Amino acid sequence: MAVRKWVIQYALALPLAFVVLGGIQFLKGKDIGYCLEFGLLWSVLSVSVFAGTRIYYYRKGMYCAVCNDLPANNPNTEK
């Protein structure tokens, strides 16, 4: 299963989204507390939606061109 791959990807995506979203608010001139709260809230929400969709596709056995997690569709996995 691709759980290890997913954990690594989300461990990278969450802080990156946090910095980008919070940084944009900071550049807009918002208070630092608001920037941190905004970045945390929306990064968790966005990563959660993406992860939920990915898990749904994986459980249903649906092919996802972006994810490419199904062993039958991934030429890099050994059979």
PDB file of N, CA and C in Angstrom:
ATOM      1  N   MET A   1       0.847  -1.189   0.000  1.00  0.00           N
ATOM      2  CA  MET A   1       0.000   0.000   0.000  1.00  0.00           C
ATOM      3  C   MET A   1       0.883   1.241   0.000  1.00  0.00           C
ATOM      4  N   ALA A   2       0.349   2.279  -0.462  1.00  0.00           N
ATOM      5  CA  ALA A   2       1.122   3.501  -0.656  1.00  0.00           C
ATOM      6  C   ALA A   2       1.057   4.436   0.543  1.00  0.00           C
ATOM      7  N   VAL A   3       0.778   3.898   1.723  1.00  0.00           N
ATOM      8  CA  VAL A   3       0.601   4.755   2.901  1.00  0.00           C
ATOM      9  C   VAL A   3       1.876   5.515   3.234  1.00  0.00           C
ATOM     10  N   ARG A   4       3.009   4.858   3.151  1.00  0.00           N
ATOM     11  CA  ARG A   4       4.282   5.525   3.464  1.00  0.00           C
ATOM     12  C   ARG A   4       4.523   6.707   2.518  1.00  0.00           C
ATOM     13  N   LYS A   5       4.259   6.482   1.248  1.00  0.00           N
ATOM     14  CA  LYS A   5       4.413   7.542   0.246  1.00  0.00           C
ATOM     15  C   LYS A   5       3.486   8.714   0.564  1.00  0.00           C
ATOM     16  N   TRP A   6       2.252   8.419   0.954  1.00  0.00           N
ATOM     17  CA  TRP A   6       1.281   9.465   1.270  1.00  0.00           C
ATOM     18  C   TRP A   6       1.699  10.261   2.493  1.00  0.00           C
ATOM     19  N   VAL A   7       2.173   9.569   3.511  1.00  0.00           N
ATOM     20  CA  VAL A   7       2.594  10.259   4.740  1.00  0.00           C
ATOM     21  C   VAL A   7       3.732  11.223   4.441  1.00  0.00           C
ATOM     22  N   ILE A   8       4.676  10.799   3.645  1.00  0.00           N
ATOM     23  CA  ILE A   8       5.802  11.671   3.284  1.00  0.00           C
ATOM     24  C   ILE A   8       5.305  12.877   2.486  1.00  0.00           C
ATOM     25  N   GLN A   9       4.423  12.638   1.530  1.00  0.00           N
ATOM     26  CA  GLN A   9       3.907  13.739   0.714  1.00  0.00           C
ATOM     27  C   GLN A   9       3.135  14.751   1.551  1.00  0.00           C
ATOM     28  N   TYR A  10       2.304  14.271   2.466  1.00  0.00           N
ATOM     29  CA  TYR A  10       1.517  15.188   3.282  1.00  0.00           C
ATOM     30  C   TYR A  10       2.367  15.866   4.343  1.00  0.00           C
ATOM     31  N   ALA A  11       3.421  15.194   4.791  1.00  0.00           N
ATOM     32  CA  ALA A  11       4.341  15.827   5.740  1.00  0.00           C
ATOM     33  C   ALA A  11       5.081  16.990   5.081  1.00  0.00           C
ATOM     34  N   LEU A  12       5.244  16.935   3.781  1.00  0.00           N
ATOM     35  CA  LEU A  12       5.859  18.041   3.043  1.00  0.00           C
ATOM     36  C   LEU A  12       4.822  19.087   2.621  1.00  0.00           C
ATOM     37  N   ALA A  13       3.649  18.633   2.223  1.00  0.00           N
ATOM     38  CA  ALA A  13       2.623  19.549   1.710  1.00  0.00           C
ATOM     39  C   ALA A  13       2.028  20.436   2.794  1.00  0.00           C
ATOM     40  N   LEU A  14       1.831  19.895   3.984  1.00  0.00           N
ATOM     41  CA  LEU A  14       1.187  20.667   5.049  1.00  0.00           C
ATOM     42  C   LEU A  14       1.998  21.898   5.447  1.00  0.00           C
ATOM     43  N   PRO A  15       3.288  21.769   5.788  1.00  0.00           N
ATOM     44  CA  PRO A  15       4.029  22.985   6.148  1.00  0.00           C
ATOM     45  C   PRO A  15       4.223  23.939   4.966  1.00  0.00           C
ATOM     46  N   LEU A  16       4.350  23.381   3.762  1.00  0.00           N
ATOM     47  CA  LEU A  16       4.500  24.242   2.593  1.00  0.00           C
ATOM     48  C   LEU A  16       3.236  25.073   2.368  1.00  0.00           C
ATOM     49  N   ALA A  17       2.077  24.435   2.452  1.00  0.00           N
ATOM     50  CA  ALA A  17       0.815  25.168   2.303  1.00  0.00           C
ATOM     51  C   ALA A  17       0.642  26.185   3.422  1.00  0.00           C
ATOM     52  N   PHE A  18       1.043  25.818   4.637  1.00  0.00           N
ATOM     53  CA  PHE A  18       0.957  26.730   5.779  1.00  0.00           C
ATOM     54  C   PHE A  18       1.782  27.990   5.528  1.00  0.00           C
ATOM     55  N   VAL A  19       3.008  27.818   5.074  1.00  0.00           N
ATOM     56  CA  VAL A  19       3.896  28.961   4.830  1.00  0.00           C
ATOM     57  C   VAL A  19       3.365  29.827   3.693  1.00  0.00           C
ATOM     58  N   VAL A  20       2.921  29.200   2.625  1.00  0.00           N
ATOM     59  CA  VAL A  20       2.423  29.965   1.475  1.00  0.00           C
ATOM     60  C   VAL A  20       1.163  30.751   1.845  1.00  0.00           C
ATOM     61  N   LEU A  21       0.193  30.075   2.446  1.00  0.00           N
ATOM     62  CA  LEU A  21      -1.069  30.749   2.771  1.00  0.00           C
ATOM     63  C   LEU A  21      -0.891  31.807   3.856  1.00  0.00           C
ATOM     64  N   GLY A  22      -0.128  31.485   4.889  1.00  0.00           N
ATOM     65  CA  GLY A  22       0.134  32.469   5.939  1.00  0.00           C
ATOM     66  C   GLY A  22       0.977  33.625   5.433  1.00  0.00           C
ATOM     67  N   GLY A  23       1.945  33.321   4.575  1.00  0.00           N
ATOM     68  CA  GLY A  23       2.801  34.361   4.012  1.00  0.00           C
ATOM     69  C   GLY A  23       2.049  35.343   3.139  1.00  0.00           C
ATOM     70  N   ILE A  24       1.094  34.836   2.386  1.00  0.00           N
ATOM     71  CA  ILE A  24       0.283  35.720   1.544  1.00  0.00           C
ATOM     72  C   ILE A  24      -0.515  36.688   2.409  1.00  0.00           C
ATOM     73  N   GLN A  25      -1.081  36.180   3.485  1.00  0.00           N
ATOM     74  CA  GLN A  25      -1.836  37.057   4.384  1.00  0.00           C
ATOM     75  C   GLN A  25      -0.920  38.086   5.040  1.00  0.00           C
ATOM     76  N   PHE A  26       0.294  37.670   5.377  1.00  0.00           N
ATOM     77  CA  PHE A  26       1.254  38.594   5.978  1.00  0.00           C
ATOM     78  C   PHE A  26       1.631  39.700   4.994  1.00  0.00           C
ATOM     79  N   LEU A  27       1.825  39.320   3.727  1.00  0.00           N
ATOM     80  CA  LEU A  27       2.148  40.315   2.703  1.00  0.00           C
ATOM     81  C   LEU A  27       0.981  41.272   2.446  1.00  0.00           C
ATOM     82  N   LYS A  28      -0.216  40.832   2.737  1.00  0.00           N
ATOM     83  CA  LYS A  28      -1.384  41.708   2.617  1.00  0.00           C
ATOM     84  C   LYS A  28      -1.469  42.701   3.764  1.00  0.00           C
ATOM     85  N   GLY A  29      -0.610  42.523   4.787  1.00  0.00           N
ATOM     86  CA  GLY A  29      -0.590  43.454   5.898  1.00  0.00           C
ATOM     87  C   GLY A  29      -1.427  43.033   7.090  1.00  0.00           C
ATOM     88  N   LYS A  30      -1.806  41.775   7.143  1.00  0.00           N
ATOM     89  CA  LYS A  30      -2.614  41.281   8.263  1.00  0.00           C
ATOM     90  C   LYS A  30      -1.733  41.064   9.494  1.00  0.00           C
ATOM     91  N   ASP A  31      -2.368  40.973  10.651  1.00  0.00           N
ATOM     92  CA  ASP A  31      -1.692  40.717  11.920  1.00  0.00           C
ATOM     93  C   ASP A  31      -1.066  39.319  11.897  1.00  0.00           C
ATOM     94  N   ILE A  32       0.088  39.151  12.555  1.00  0.00           N
ATOM     95  CA  ILE A  32       0.813  37.880  12.526  1.00  0.00           C
ATOM     96  C   ILE A  32      -0.017  36.743  13.131  1.00  0.00           C
ATOM     97  N   GLY A  33      -0.781  37.034  14.172  1.00  0.00           N
ATOM     98  CA  GLY A  33      -1.647  36.013  14.769  1.00  0.00           C
ATOM     99  C   GLY A  33      -2.692  35.511  13.792  1.00  0.00           C
ATOM    100  N   TYR A  34      -3.276  36.437  13.065  1.00  0.00           N
ATOM    101  CA  TYR A  34      -4.261  36.078  12.051  1.00  0.00           C
ATOM    102  C   TYR A  34      -3.607  35.253  10.945  1.00  0.00           C
ATOM    103  N   CYS A  35      -2.400  35.636  10.551  1.00  0.00           N
ATOM    104  CA  CYS A  35      -1.684  34.918   9.490  1.00  0.00           C
ATOM    105  C   CYS A  35      -1.417  33.472   9.887  1.00  0.00           C
ATOM    106  N   LEU A  36      -0.987  33.267  11.123  1.00  0.00           N
ATOM    107  CA  LEU A  36      -0.714  31.913  11.596  1.00  0.00           C
ATOM    108  C   LEU A  36      -1.993  31.080  11.656  1.00  0.00           C
ATOM    109  N   GLU A  37      -3.049  31.679  12.171  1.00  0.00           N
ATOM    110  CA  GLU A  37      -4.333  30.977  12.267  1.00  0.00           C
ATOM    111  C   GLU A  37      -4.878  30.642  10.880  1.00  0.00           C
ATOM    112  N   PHE A  38      -4.832  31.598   9.987  1.00  0.00           N
ATOM    113  CA  PHE A  38      -5.320  31.401   8.624  1.00  0.00           C
ATOM    114  C   PHE A  38      -4.524  30.311   7.915  1.00  0.00           C
ATOM    115  N   GLY A  39      -3.203  30.392   8.009  1.00  0.00           N
ATOM    116  CA  GLY A  39      -2.347  29.403   7.361  1.00  0.00           C
ATOM    117  C   GLY A  39      -2.583  28.002   7.886  1.00  0.00           C
ATOM    118  N   LEU A  40      -2.702  27.868   9.200  1.00  0.00           N
ATOM    119  CA  LEU A  40      -2.927  26.554   9.800  1.00  0.00           C
ATOM    120  C   LEU A  40      -4.285  25.986   9.400  1.00  0.00           C
ATOM    121  N   LEU A  41      -5.319  26.792   9.524  1.00  0.00           N
ATOM    122  CA  LEU A  41      -6.669  26.331   9.208  1.00  0.00           C
ATOM    123  C   LEU A  41      -6.784  25.866   7.759  1.00  0.00           C
ATOM    124  N   TRP A  42      -6.382  26.711   6.834  1.00  0.00           N
ATOM    125  CA  TRP A  42      -6.580  26.391   5.425  1.00  0.00           C
ATOM    126  C   TRP A  42      -5.602  25.354   4.900  1.00  0.00           C
ATOM    127  N   SER A  43      -4.419  25.260   5.472  1.00  0.00           N
ATOM    128  CA  SER A  43      -3.508  24.201   5.036  1.00  0.00           C
ATOM    129  C   SER A  43      -4.019  22.842   5.487  1.00  0.00           C
ATOM    130  N   VAL A  44      -4.531  22.750   6.715  1.00  0.00           N
ATOM    131  CA  VAL A  44      -5.094  21.482   7.196  1.00  0.00           C
ATOM    132  C   VAL A  44      -6.328  21.104   6.380  1.00  0.00           C
ATOM    133  N   LEU A  45      -7.195  22.068   6.111  1.00  0.00           N
ATOM    134  CA  LEU A  45      -8.397  21.777   5.321  1.00  0.00           C
ATOM    135  C   LEU A  45      -8.054  21.319   3.902  1.00  0.00           C
ATOM    136  N   SER A  46      -7.143  22.005   3.254  1.00  0.00           N
ATOM    137  CA  SER A  46      -6.824  21.654   1.873  1.00  0.00           C
ATOM    138  C   SER A  46      -6.134  20.298   1.778  1.00  0.00           C
ATOM    139  N   VAL A  47      -5.209  20.017   2.679  1.00  0.00           N
ATOM    140  CA  VAL A  47      -4.533  18.722   2.661  1.00  0.00           C
ATOM    141  C   VAL A  47      -5.511  17.608   3.030  1.00  0.00           C
ATOM    142  N   SER A  48      -6.440  17.874   3.932  1.00  0.00           N
ATOM    143  CA  SER A  48      -7.435  16.870   4.321  1.00  0.00           C
ATOM    144  C   SER A  48      -8.361  16.517   3.158  1.00  0.00           C
ATOM    145  N   VAL A  49      -8.793  17.503   2.423  1.00  0.00           N
ATOM    146  CA  VAL A  49      -9.658  17.245   1.268  1.00  0.00           C
ATOM    147  C   VAL A  49      -8.908  16.422   0.226  1.00  0.00           C
ATOM    148  N   PHE A  50      -7.680  16.779  -0.062  1.00  0.00           N
ATOM    149  CA  PHE A  50      -6.895  16.037  -1.039  1.00  0.00           C
ATOM    150  C   PHE A  50      -6.651  14.608  -0.564  1.00  0.00           C
ATOM    151  N   ALA A  51      -6.313  14.431   0.709  1.00  0.00           N
ATOM    152  CA  ALA A  51      -6.063  13.092   1.252  1.00  0.00           C
ATOM    153  C   ALA A  51      -7.334  12.251   1.236  1.00  0.00           C
ATOM    154  N   GLY A  52      -8.450  12.850   1.598  1.00  0.00           N
ATOM    155  CA  GLY A  52      -9.712  12.117   1.584  1.00  0.00           C
ATOM    156  C   GLY A  52     -10.090  11.646   0.193  1.00  0.00           C
ATOM    157  N   THR A  53      -9.903  12.497  -0.783  1.00  0.00           N
ATOM    158  CA  THR A  53     -10.184  12.129  -2.164  1.00  0.00           C
ATOM    159  C   THR A  53      -9.263  11.016  -2.629  1.00  0.00           C
ATOM    160  N   ARG A  54      -8.021  11.117  -2.256  1.00  0.00           N
ATOM    161  CA  ARG A  54      -7.043  10.111  -2.657  1.00  0.00           C
ATOM    162  C   ARG A  54      -7.358   8.754  -2.027  1.00  0.00           C
ATOM    163  N   ILE A  55      -7.732   8.741  -0.762  1.00  0.00           N
ATOM    164  CA  ILE A  55      -8.097   7.497  -0.083  1.00  0.00           C
ATOM    165  C   ILE A  55      -9.355   6.899  -0.716  1.00  0.00           C
ATOM    166  N   TYR A  56     -10.310   7.745  -1.034  1.00  0.00           N
ATOM    167  CA  TYR A  56     -11.540   7.282  -1.680  1.00  0.00           C
ATOM    168  C   TYR A  56     -11.224   6.607  -3.010  1.00  0.00           C
ATOM    169  N   TYR A  57     -10.420   7.245  -3.843  1.00  0.00           N
ATOM    170  CA  TYR A  57     -10.046   6.659  -5.130  1.00  0.00           C
ATOM    171  C   TYR A  57      -9.309   5.338  -4.939  1.00  0.00           C
ATOM    172  N   TYR A  58      -8.427   5.288  -3.965  1.00  0.00           N
ATOM    173  CA  TYR A  58      -7.639   4.082  -3.731  1.00  0.00           C
ATOM    174  C   TYR A  58      -8.534   2.928  -3.297  1.00  0.00           C
ATOM    175  N   ARG A  59      -9.463   3.186  -2.389  1.00  0.00           N
ATOM    176  CA  ARG A  59     -10.359   2.126  -1.895  1.00  0.00           C
ATOM    177  C   ARG A  59     -11.318   1.633  -2.970  1.00  0.00           C
ATOM    178  N   LYS A  60     -11.742   2.519  -3.837  1.00  0.00           N
ATOM    179  CA  LYS A  60     -12.655   2.134  -4.913  1.00  0.00           C
ATOM    180  C   LYS A  60     -11.917   1.507  -6.089  1.00  0.00           C
ATOM    181  N   GLY A  61     -10.606   1.564  -6.091  1.00  0.00           N
ATOM    182  CA  GLY A  61      -9.818   1.007  -7.180  1.00  0.00           C
ATOM    183  C   GLY A  61      -9.869   1.844  -8.439  1.00  0.00           C
ATOM    184  N   MET A  62     -10.183   3.113  -8.284  1.00  0.00           N
ATOM    185  CA  MET A  62     -10.277   4.016  -9.429  1.00  0.00           C
ATOM    186  C   MET A  62      -8.892   4.550  -9.781  1.00  0.00           C
ATOM    187  N   TYR A  63      -8.618   4.634 -11.059  1.00  0.00           N
ATOM    188  CA  TYR A  63      -7.334   5.147 -11.511  1.00  0.00           C
ATOM    189  C   TYR A  63      -7.301   6.660 -11.369  1.00  0.00           C
ATOM    190  N   CYS A  64      -6.207   7.164 -10.864  1.00  0.00           N
ATOM    191  CA  CYS A  64      -5.989   8.601 -10.738  1.00  0.00           C
ATOM    192  C   CYS A  64      -4.667   8.921 -11.428  1.00  0.00           C
ATOM    193  N   ALA A  65      -4.717   9.691 -12.498  1.00  0.00           N
ATOM    194  CA  ALA A  65      -3.507  10.003 -13.252  1.00  0.00           C
ATOM    195  C   ALA A  65      -2.506  10.796 -12.424  1.00  0.00           C
ATOM    196  N   VAL A  66      -2.992  11.627 -11.520  1.00  0.00           N
ATOM    197  CA  VAL A  66      -2.104  12.424 -10.677  1.00  0.00           C
ATOM    198  C   VAL A  66      -1.471  11.555  -9.598  1.00  0.00           C
ATOM    199  N   CYS A  67      -2.277  10.709  -8.953  1.00  0.00           N
ATOM    200  CA  CYS A  67      -1.800   9.882  -7.838  1.00  0.00           C
ATOM    201  C   CYS A  67      -0.943   8.722  -8.326  1.00  0.00           C
ATOM    202  N   ASN A  68      -1.437   7.990  -9.323  1.00  0.00           N
ATOM    203  CA  ASN A  68      -0.757   6.826  -9.878  1.00  0.00           C
ATOM    204  C   ASN A  68      -0.347   5.856  -8.775  1.00  0.00           C
ATOM    205  N   ASP A  69      -1.271   5.552  -7.863  1.00  0.00           N
ATOM    206  CA  ASP A  69      -0.971   4.695  -6.723  1.00  0.00           C
ATOM    207  C   ASP A  69      -1.410   3.249  -6.889  1.00  0.00           C
ATOM    208  N   LEU A  70      -2.244   2.954  -7.855  1.00  0.00           N
ATOM    209  CA  LEU A  70      -2.694   1.583  -8.010  1.00  0.00           C
ATOM    210  C   LEU A  70      -1.574   0.745  -8.614  1.00  0.00           C
ATOM    211  N   PRO A  71      -1.222  -0.382  -8.005  1.00  0.00           N
ATOM    212  CA  PRO A  71      -0.104  -1.193  -8.490  1.00  0.00           C
ATOM    213  C   PRO A  71      -0.249  -1.618  -9.941  1.00  0.00           C
ATOM    214  N   ALA A  72      -1.455  -1.907 -10.400  1.00  0.00           N
ATOM    215  CA  ALA A  72      -1.646  -2.338 -11.781  1.00  0.00           C
ATOM    216  C   ALA A  72      -1.350  -1.221 -12.773  1.00  0.00           C
ATOM    217  N   ASN A  73      -1.455   0.014 -12.340  1.00  0.00           N
ATOM    218  CA  ASN A  73      -1.250   1.154 -13.232  1.00  0.00           C
ATOM    219  C   ASN A  73       0.110   1.807 -13.071  1.00  0.00           C
ATOM    220  N   ASN A  74       0.917   1.284 -12.173  1.00  0.00           N
ATOM    221  CA  ASN A  74       2.210   1.891 -11.900  1.00  0.00           C
ATOM    222  C   ASN A  74       3.315   0.978 -12.407  1.00  0.00           C
ATOM    223  N   PRO A  75       4.009   1.349 -13.480  1.00  0.00           N
ATOM    224  CA  PRO A  75       5.046   0.475 -14.031  1.00  0.00           C
ATOM    225  C   PRO A  75       6.267   0.334 -13.119  1.00  0.00           C
ATOM    226  N   ASN A  76       6.401   1.160 -12.106  1.00  0.00           N
ATOM    227  CA  ASN A  76       7.570   1.106 -11.231  1.00  0.00           C
ATOM    228  C   ASN A  76       7.430   0.101 -10.099  1.00  0.00           C
ATOM    229  N   THR A  77       6.260  -0.487  -9.918  1.00  0.00           N
ATOM    230  CA  THR A  77       6.075  -1.452  -8.838  1.00  0.00           C
ATOM    231  C   THR A  77       6.330  -2.858  -9.343  1.00  0.00           C
ATOM    232  N   GLU A  78       6.894  -3.671  -8.480  1.00  0.00           N
ATOM    233  CA  GLU A  78       7.156  -5.062  -8.828  1.00  0.00           C
ATOM    234  C   GLU A  78       5.923  -5.889  -8.546  1.00  0.00           C
ATOM    235  N   LYS A  79       5.710  -6.919  -9.357  1.00  0.00           N
ATOM    236  CA  LYS A  79       4.537  -7.784  -9.174  1.00  0.00           C
ATOM    237  C   LYS A  79       4.956  -9.116  -8.627  1.00  0.00           C
TER     238      LYS A  79
END
